[in-house]
Protein backbone atom coordinates (compact mmCIF):
# COMPACT_ATOMS: atom_id res chain seq x y z
CA MET A 1 24.69 -12.94 12.00
CA GLY A 2 21.17 -13.19 13.48
CA LEU A 3 20.37 -16.06 11.13
CA LEU A 4 23.41 -18.02 12.34
CA PHE A 5 22.36 -17.70 15.99
CA SER A 6 18.75 -18.52 15.14
CA ASN A 7 19.79 -21.68 13.29
CA VAL A 8 22.06 -22.77 16.16
CA GLY A 9 19.29 -22.00 18.64
CA ALA A 10 16.82 -23.96 16.52
CA GLN A 11 19.11 -26.99 16.60
CA PHE A 12 19.33 -26.86 20.41
CA ARG A 13 15.58 -26.37 20.71
CA THR A 14 15.05 -29.47 18.57
CA LEU A 15 16.62 -31.44 21.41
CA THR A 16 14.70 -29.76 24.22
CA GLY A 17 11.50 -28.69 22.49
CA GLY A 18 9.91 -25.25 22.34
CA GLU A 19 9.83 -22.27 20.03
CA VAL A 20 12.91 -20.37 18.87
CA ALA A 21 11.68 -16.78 18.91
CA GLY A 22 14.47 -15.46 16.67
CA TYR A 23 13.84 -18.11 14.03
CA THR A 24 10.07 -17.53 14.19
CA ALA A 25 10.65 -13.80 13.68
CA LEU A 26 12.93 -14.45 10.68
CA LEU A 27 10.32 -16.70 9.07
CA ALA A 28 7.57 -14.12 9.64
CA ASP A 29 9.77 -11.42 8.09
CA SER A 30 10.52 -13.70 5.13
CA ARG A 31 6.79 -14.36 4.57
CA ASN A 32 6.10 -10.61 4.64
CA GLN A 33 8.89 -9.91 2.14
CA ALA A 34 7.64 -12.65 -0.20
CA ARG A 35 4.07 -11.31 0.02
CA GLU A 36 5.23 -7.75 -0.67
CA ARG A 37 7.27 -8.88 -3.72
CA MET A 38 4.23 -10.74 -5.05
CA TRP A 39 2.03 -7.67 -4.55
CA ARG A 40 4.56 -5.40 -6.34
CA GLU A 41 4.68 -7.82 -9.29
CA ALA A 42 0.87 -7.93 -9.47
CA ARG A 43 0.64 -4.12 -9.42
CA ALA A 44 3.33 -3.87 -12.13
CA ARG A 45 1.08 -6.04 -14.32
CA GLY A 46 -1.94 -3.78 -13.76
CA ALA A 47 -3.70 -5.86 -11.08
CA ASN A 48 -5.35 -4.34 -8.03
CA ALA A 49 -5.83 -7.60 -6.10
CA VAL A 50 -4.36 -11.07 -5.67
CA VAL A 51 -6.65 -14.06 -5.13
CA ALA A 52 -5.92 -17.65 -4.08
CA MET A 53 -2.66 -16.50 -2.45
CA ARG A 54 -0.45 -19.18 -0.91
CA PHE A 55 2.99 -19.62 0.59
CA ASP A 56 5.41 -22.36 -0.40
CA CYS A 57 8.20 -23.16 2.07
CA ASN A 58 11.23 -25.34 1.41
CA GLU A 59 14.39 -26.22 3.26
CA ILE A 60 17.72 -25.68 1.50
CA GLY A 61 20.59 -27.91 2.51
CA GLY A 62 19.22 -28.45 6.00
CA ILE A 63 20.42 -24.99 7.09
CA MET A 64 18.12 -22.50 5.36
CA SER A 65 14.49 -22.05 4.48
CA GLU A 66 13.07 -20.36 1.41
CA ILE A 67 9.58 -18.94 1.22
CA ALA A 68 7.72 -18.13 -1.97
CA ALA A 69 4.35 -16.38 -2.21
CA TYR A 70 2.11 -16.92 -5.19
CA GLY A 71 -1.42 -16.22 -6.29
CA THR A 72 -3.51 -15.01 -9.21
CA ALA A 73 -3.25 -11.31 -10.03
CA VAL A 74 -6.66 -9.86 -10.95
CA THR A 75 -8.33 -6.53 -11.59
CA VAL A 76 -11.45 -5.94 -9.49
CA GLU A 77 -13.97 -3.47 -10.90
CA THR A 78 -17.33 -2.04 -9.87
CA ILE A 79 -20.25 -3.34 -11.95
CA GLN A 80 -23.39 -1.26 -12.64
CA THR A 81 -26.53 -3.20 -13.56
CA ALA A 82 -30.02 -1.70 -14.11
CA GLY A 83 -29.29 1.33 -11.99
CA ILE A 84 -27.91 -0.78 -9.14
CA THR A 85 -24.24 -0.46 -8.31
CA ALA A 86 -22.60 -3.64 -7.05
CA ASP A 87 -19.11 -3.45 -5.69
CA THR A 88 -17.35 -6.70 -6.61
CA ARG A 89 -14.75 -6.28 -3.87
CA GLN A 90 -15.77 -8.27 -0.82
């Protein structure tokens, strides 16, 4: 129900200008969910980090938005060289 009101509010705001707080909150929540799904998938594949992460946003039918998060799942390890320990995580 919140999405319906946010979409209607967004249409009215298009005419008058300004931010639709409910719609902005929904998009932020969607980005967080997409990022969390990506992180779970990376962990399931044995990764402990994701690099070059990006969001991809698309509109569906003029009434919805979809958000995808993607990146490269990697495993970061500590390297020891000649008695010096270098942590590769920065």
